[in-house]
Amino acid sequence: QVQLVESGGGLVQAGGSLRLSCTVSGLIFSNNAIGWYRRAPGKQRESVARIFSGGATDYADSVKGRFTISRDNAKNAVYLQMNSLKPDDTAVYYCKSAERWSGREYWGQGTQVTVSS
């Protein structure tokens, strides 16, 4: 059974930092790209950052220079370091796996990030 479990969300003041973790089980972690997505109230879900099995990364323009995604294949975990947080970053953050060859995807349950002004 594949599971993705996010943690690390919470309430932080604008300008602060949070580190989200996504722990994955039930699949061959190194064969999967892992992405962070978010859904703000009243908005569609959007991609925040992705890290591919080879280590390449990409980021949404809105978070470039502030967020950093990384992965630890030994721990089956992906992290999202979020610095200089803004109220507009308030959302539920989800991680998603995408298998390299099959494209099969799995989602976590999400973690709430709230940035106060």
N, C-alpha and C. Protein backbone atom coordinates (compact mmCIF):
# COMPACT_ATOMS: atom_id res chain seq x y z
N GLN A 1 0.84 -1.19 0.00
CA GLN A 1 0.00 0.00 0.00
C GLN A 1 0.88 1.25 0.00
N VAL A 2 0.65 2.12 -0.96
CA VAL A 2 1.44 3.34 -1.08
C VAL A 2 0.87 4.39 -0.12
N GLN A 3 1.77 5.02 0.60
CA GLN A 3 1.37 6.11 1.49
C GLN A 3 2.33 7.27 1.36
N LEU A 4 1.79 8.47 1.29
CA LEU A 4 2.56 9.69 1.36
C LEU A 4 2.02 10.48 2.55
N VAL A 5 2.90 10.83 3.46
CA VAL A 5 2.47 11.50 4.68
C VAL A 5 3.22 12.81 4.81
N GLU A 6 2.48 13.92 4.77
CA GLU A 6 3.07 15.24 4.93
C GLU A 6 3.08 15.63 6.40
N SER A 7 4.05 16.43 6.76
CA SER A 7 4.12 16.99 8.11
C SER A 7 4.89 18.30 8.06
N GLY A 8 4.79 19.05 9.15
CA GLY A 8 5.58 20.27 9.25
C GLY A 8 4.80 21.55 9.04
N GLY A 9 3.52 21.43 8.69
CA GLY A 9 2.73 22.63 8.52
C GLY A 9 2.45 23.31 9.85
N GLY A 10 1.88 24.51 9.77
CA GLY A 10 1.55 25.23 10.98
C GLY A 10 1.27 26.68 10.70
N LEU A 11 1.26 27.45 11.78
CA LEU A 11 1.01 28.89 11.71
C LEU A 11 2.31 29.63 11.91
N VAL A 12 2.60 30.58 11.02
CA VAL A 12 3.84 31.33 11.10
C VAL A 12 3.56 32.77 10.68
N GLN A 13 4.33 33.70 11.20
CA GLN A 13 4.19 35.09 10.80
C GLN A 13 4.87 35.33 9.46
N ALA A 14 4.40 36.34 8.77
CA ALA A 14 5.03 36.71 7.50
C ALA A 14 6.52 36.96 7.72
N GLY A 15 7.32 36.47 6.78
CA GLY A 15 8.76 36.57 6.89
C GLY A 15 9.40 35.37 7.56
N GLY A 16 8.58 34.52 8.15
CA GLY A 16 9.10 33.35 8.84
C GLY A 16 9.37 32.18 7.91
N SER A 17 9.71 31.05 8.52
CA SER A 17 10.09 29.86 7.76
C SER A 17 9.38 28.63 8.31
N LEU A 18 9.17 27.69 7.41
CA LEU A 18 8.68 26.36 7.78
C LEU A 18 9.37 25.34 6.91
N ARG A 19 9.49 24.14 7.40
CA ARG A 19 10.02 23.03 6.62
C ARG A 19 9.00 21.91 6.59
N LEU A 20 8.52 21.61 5.40
CA LEU A 20 7.58 20.52 5.23
C LEU A 20 8.33 19.24 4.88
N SER A 21 7.79 18.13 5.36
CA SER A 21 8.35 16.82 5.03
C SER A 21 7.27 15.96 4.39
N CYS A 22 7.70 15.13 3.46
CA CYS A 22 6.81 14.15 2.83
C CYS A 22 7.53 12.80 2.91
N THR A 23 6.97 11.91 3.68
CA THR A 23 7.56 10.59 3.84
C THR A 23 6.75 9.59 3.03
N VAL A 24 7.45 8.79 2.23
CA VAL A 24 6.80 7.90 1.26
C VAL A 24 7.08 6.45 1.60
N SER A 25 6.08 5.61 1.48
CA SER A 25 6.26 4.17 1.67
C SER A 25 5.43 3.42 0.64
N GLY A 26 5.84 2.18 0.37
CA GLY A 26 5.06 1.32 -0.52
C GLY A 26 5.41 1.41 -1.99
N LEU A 27 6.45 2.17 -2.34
CA LEU A 27 6.89 2.22 -3.73
C LEU A 27 8.40 2.39 -3.76
N ILE A 28 8.95 2.22 -4.97
CA ILE A 28 10.41 2.38 -5.13
C ILE A 28 10.68 3.87 -5.23
N PHE A 29 11.08 4.45 -4.12
CA PHE A 29 11.16 5.90 -4.00
C PHE A 29 12.05 6.51 -5.07
N SER A 30 13.19 5.90 -5.33
CA SER A 30 14.16 6.49 -6.26
C SER A 30 13.64 6.53 -7.69
N ASN A 31 12.59 5.80 -8.01
CA ASN A 31 12.00 5.80 -9.35
C ASN A 31 10.92 6.85 -9.53
N ASN A 32 10.71 7.65 -8.50
CA ASN A 32 9.59 8.58 -8.52
C ASN A 32 10.03 10.03 -8.42
N ALA A 33 9.40 10.86 -9.23
CA ALA A 33 9.47 12.30 -9.00
C ALA A 33 8.48 12.64 -7.89
N ILE A 34 8.84 13.59 -7.07
CA ILE A 34 7.97 14.02 -5.99
C ILE A 34 7.72 15.51 -6.14
N GLY A 35 6.47 15.88 -6.04
CA GLY A 35 6.13 17.29 -6.16
C GLY A 35 5.35 17.78 -4.97
N TRP A 36 5.49 19.07 -4.69
CA TRP A 36 4.67 19.76 -3.70
C TRP A 36 3.66 20.63 -4.45
N TYR A 37 2.43 20.55 -4.03
CA TYR A 37 1.35 21.33 -4.61
C TYR A 37 0.60 22.02 -3.46
N ARG A 38 -0.13 23.03 -3.81
CA ARG A 38 -0.90 23.71 -2.76
C ARG A 38 -2.25 24.16 -3.31
N ARG A 39 -3.20 24.24 -2.40
CA ARG A 39 -4.53 24.77 -2.74
C ARG A 39 -4.91 25.78 -1.68
N ALA A 40 -5.03 27.01 -2.14
CA ALA A 40 -5.47 28.09 -1.25
C ALA A 40 -6.98 28.19 -1.29
N PRO A 41 -7.59 28.75 -0.25
CA PRO A 41 -9.05 28.88 -0.22
C PRO A 41 -9.57 29.62 -1.45
N GLY A 42 -10.52 29.02 -2.15
CA GLY A 42 -11.12 29.65 -3.31
C GLY A 42 -10.29 29.60 -4.57
N LYS A 43 -9.17 28.91 -4.52
CA LYS A 43 -8.29 28.85 -5.70
C LYS A 43 -8.07 27.42 -6.13
N GLN A 44 -7.60 27.27 -7.36
CA GLN A 44 -7.29 25.93 -7.86
C GLN A 44 -5.94 25.47 -7.29
N ARG A 45 -5.77 24.17 -7.26
CA ARG A 45 -4.50 23.62 -6.83
C ARG A 45 -3.40 24.00 -7.83
N GLU A 46 -2.23 24.32 -7.31
CA GLU A 46 -1.12 24.71 -8.18
C GLU A 46 0.15 23.98 -7.76
N SER A 47 1.01 23.82 -8.74
CA SER A 47 2.31 23.20 -8.48
C SER A 47 3.21 24.22 -7.80
N VAL A 48 3.94 23.78 -6.80
CA VAL A 48 4.87 24.64 -6.08
C VAL A 48 6.31 24.30 -6.46
N ALA A 49 6.68 23.05 -6.34
CA ALA A 49 8.04 22.61 -6.63
C ALA A 49 8.03 21.12 -6.91
N ARG A 50 8.98 20.70 -7.73
CA ARG A 50 9.12 19.28 -8.03
C ARG A 50 10.58 18.89 -8.00
N ILE A 51 10.84 17.67 -7.63
CA ILE A 51 12.19 17.12 -7.71
C ILE A 51 12.10 15.75 -8.37
N PHE A 52 12.93 15.57 -9.37
CA PHE A 52 12.86 14.36 -10.19
C PHE A 52 13.82 13.32 -9.66
N SER A 53 13.69 12.11 -10.19
CA SER A 53 14.47 11.01 -9.65
C SER A 53 15.96 11.26 -9.80
N GLY A 54 16.37 12.01 -10.80
CA GLY A 54 17.79 12.31 -11.00
C GLY A 54 18.27 13.51 -10.21
N GLY A 55 17.34 14.17 -9.51
CA GLY A 55 17.71 15.31 -8.68
C GLY A 55 17.39 16.68 -9.27
N ALA A 56 16.98 16.73 -10.52
CA ALA A 56 16.62 18.02 -11.10
C ALA A 56 15.38 18.56 -10.40
N THR A 57 15.29 19.89 -10.38
CA THR A 57 14.17 20.52 -9.69
C THR A 57 13.54 21.59 -10.57
N ASP A 58 12.28 21.90 -10.28
CA ASP A 58 11.68 23.10 -10.85
C ASP A 58 10.73 23.71 -9.83
N TYR A 59 10.48 25.01 -10.01
CA TYR A 59 9.72 25.78 -9.03
C TYR A 59 8.72 26.68 -9.75
N ALA A 60 7.63 26.94 -9.07
CA ALA A 60 6.73 27.97 -9.53
C ALA A 60 7.42 29.33 -9.39
N ASP A 61 7.12 30.23 -10.31
CA ASP A 61 7.75 31.55 -10.27
C ASP A 61 7.50 32.25 -8.93
N SER A 62 6.34 32.02 -8.35
CA SER A 62 5.96 32.71 -7.12
C SER A 62 6.80 32.30 -5.91
N VAL A 63 7.51 31.19 -6.00
CA VAL A 63 8.29 30.72 -4.84
C VAL A 63 9.79 30.66 -5.12
N LYS A 64 10.19 30.94 -6.34
CA LYS A 64 11.62 30.88 -6.68
C LYS A 64 12.41 31.82 -5.77
N GLY A 65 13.52 31.31 -5.28
CA GLY A 65 14.37 32.11 -4.41
C GLY A 65 13.95 32.08 -2.95
N ARG A 66 12.76 31.55 -2.68
CA ARG A 66 12.29 31.48 -1.29
C ARG A 66 12.13 30.04 -0.80
N PHE A 67 11.73 29.15 -1.70
CA PHE A 67 11.51 27.75 -1.34
C PHE A 67 12.60 26.88 -1.94
N THR A 68 12.95 25.82 -1.24
CA THR A 68 13.92 24.85 -1.73
C THR A 68 13.40 23.44 -1.50
N ILE A 69 13.36 22.67 -2.56
CA ILE A 69 12.94 21.28 -2.45
C ILE A 69 14.17 20.38 -2.46
N SER A 70 14.15 19.33 -1.66
CA SER A 70 15.26 18.38 -1.62
C SER A 70 14.70 16.99 -1.32
N ARG A 71 15.53 16.00 -1.59
CA ARG A 71 15.09 14.63 -1.33
C ARG A 71 16.20 13.84 -0.68
N ASP A 72 15.81 12.87 0.15
CA ASP A 72 16.75 11.96 0.78
C ASP A 72 16.27 10.55 0.43
N ASN A 73 16.90 9.95 -0.56
CA ASN A 73 16.47 8.63 -1.02
C ASN A 73 16.65 7.56 0.06
N ALA A 74 17.61 7.76 0.93
CA ALA A 74 17.84 6.77 2.00
C ALA A 74 16.70 6.77 3.01
N LYS A 75 16.04 7.92 3.16
CA LYS A 75 14.94 8.04 4.12
C LYS A 75 13.57 8.04 3.45
N ASN A 76 13.56 7.89 2.13
CA ASN A 76 12.29 7.95 1.38
C ASN A 76 11.52 9.22 1.73
N ALA A 77 12.22 10.33 1.71
CA ALA A 77 11.60 11.58 2.13
C ALA A 77 11.96 12.73 1.21
N VAL A 78 11.05 13.65 1.09
CA VAL A 78 11.26 14.89 0.35
C VAL A 78 10.90 16.04 1.28
N TYR A 79 11.66 17.11 1.18
CA TYR A 79 11.47 18.25 2.06
C TYR A 79 11.21 19.51 1.23
N LEU A 80 10.47 20.41 1.82
CA LEU A 80 10.26 21.72 1.22
C LEU A 80 10.60 22.77 2.27
N GLN A 81 11.75 23.40 2.11
CA GLN A 81 12.15 24.49 3.00
C GLN A 81 11.53 25.77 2.46
N MET A 82 10.72 26.40 3.29
CA MET A 82 10.01 27.61 2.87
C MET A 82 10.47 28.78 3.72
N ASN A 83 11.11 29.74 3.09
CA ASN A 83 11.61 30.93 3.77
C ASN A 83 10.87 32.17 3.27
N SER A 84 10.99 33.24 4.01
CA SER A 84 10.36 34.52 3.64
C SER A 84 8.89 34.31 3.28
N LEU A 85 8.21 33.62 4.13
CA LEU A 85 6.81 33.29 3.84
C LEU A 85 5.93 34.53 3.81
N LYS A 86 4.94 34.47 2.93
CA LYS A 86 4.00 35.57 2.73
C LYS A 86 2.57 35.07 3.02
N PRO A 87 1.68 35.98 3.35
CA PRO A 87 0.28 35.55 3.53
C PRO A 87 -0.28 34.81 2.32
N ASP A 88 0.17 35.17 1.12
CA ASP A 88 -0.29 34.49 -0.09
C ASP A 88 0.16 33.03 -0.16
N ASP A 89 1.09 32.63 0.70
CA ASP A 89 1.52 31.22 0.73
C ASP A 89 0.58 30.37 1.56
N THR A 90 -0.39 30.98 2.21
CA THR A 90 -1.36 30.23 3.00
C THR A 90 -2.14 29.27 2.13
N ALA A 91 -2.12 27.99 2.48
CA ALA A 91 -2.77 26.96 1.66
C ALA A 91 -2.62 25.62 2.36
N VAL A 92 -3.32 24.63 1.84
CA VAL A 92 -3.04 23.25 2.19
C VAL A 92 -1.99 22.75 1.19
N TYR A 93 -0.91 22.21 1.72
CA TYR A 93 0.19 21.73 0.89
C TYR A 93 0.14 20.20 0.81
N TYR A 94 0.24 19.71 -0.41
CA TYR A 94 0.17 18.28 -0.68
C TYR A 94 1.45 17.83 -1.37
N CYS A 95 1.87 16.60 -1.11
CA CYS A 95 2.92 16.02 -1.93
C CYS A 95 2.33 14.93 -2.81
N LYS A 96 2.95 14.75 -3.95
CA LYS A 96 2.49 13.79 -4.93
C LYS A 96 3.69 13.07 -5.52
N SER A 97 3.55 11.75 -5.67
CA SER A 97 4.59 10.97 -6.34
C SER A 97 4.14 10.67 -7.77
N ALA A 98 5.11 10.56 -8.66
CA ALA A 98 4.83 10.20 -10.06
C ALA A 98 5.92 9.23 -10.51
N GLU A 99 5.52 7.99 -10.80
CA GLU A 99 6.49 6.98 -11.16
C GLU A 99 7.08 7.27 -12.52
N ARG A 100 8.37 7.08 -12.64
CA ARG A 100 9.15 7.53 -13.80
C ARG A 100 8.68 6.94 -15.11
N TRP A 101 8.33 5.65 -15.13
CA TRP A 101 7.98 5.01 -16.39
C TRP A 101 6.47 4.84 -16.58
N SER A 102 5.78 4.46 -15.51
CA SER A 102 4.34 4.22 -15.64
C SER A 102 3.53 5.51 -15.54
N GLY A 103 4.10 6.53 -14.87
CA GLY A 103 3.36 7.76 -14.64
C GLY A 103 2.36 7.67 -13.53
N ARG A 104 2.27 6.53 -12.87
CA ARG A 104 1.30 6.35 -11.80
C ARG A 104 1.54 7.38 -10.70
N GLU A 105 0.46 7.96 -10.20
CA GLU A 105 0.55 9.03 -9.23
C GLU A 105 -0.16 8.68 -7.93
N TYR A 106 0.36 9.18 -6.84
CA TYR A 106 -0.26 9.05 -5.52
C TYR A 106 -0.13 10.38 -4.79
N TRP A 107 -1.17 10.66 -3.99
CA TRP A 107 -1.20 11.92 -3.24
C TRP A 107 -1.21 11.67 -1.73
N GLY A 108 -0.64 12.62 -1.02
CA GLY A 108 -0.77 12.63 0.42
C GLY A 108 -2.04 13.34 0.84
N GLN A 109 -2.25 13.41 2.15
CA GLN A 109 -3.50 13.97 2.66
C GLN A 109 -3.44 15.48 2.87
N GLY A 110 -2.26 16.03 2.84
CA GLY A 110 -2.10 17.48 2.94
C GLY A 110 -1.76 17.95 4.33
N THR A 111 -1.11 19.11 4.40
CA THR A 111 -0.80 19.75 5.66
C THR A 111 -1.06 21.25 5.51
N GLN A 112 -1.68 21.85 6.52
CA GLN A 112 -2.08 23.24 6.44
C GLN A 112 -0.91 24.16 6.79
N VAL A 113 -0.69 25.14 5.94
CA VAL A 113 0.27 26.21 6.21
C VAL A 113 -0.51 27.53 6.25
N THR A 114 -0.39 28.25 7.35
CA THR A 114 -1.05 29.54 7.49
C THR A 114 -0.02 30.59 7.83
N VAL A 115 0.03 31.64 7.01
CA VAL A 115 0.98 32.73 7.22
C VAL A 115 0.20 33.98 7.58
N SER A 116 0.44 34.48 8.77
CA SER A 116 -0.27 35.68 9.23
C SER A 116 0.51 36.93 8.88
N SER A 117 -0.24 38.01 8.64
CA SER A 117 0.42 39.27 8.28
C SER A 117 0.74 40.10 9.50
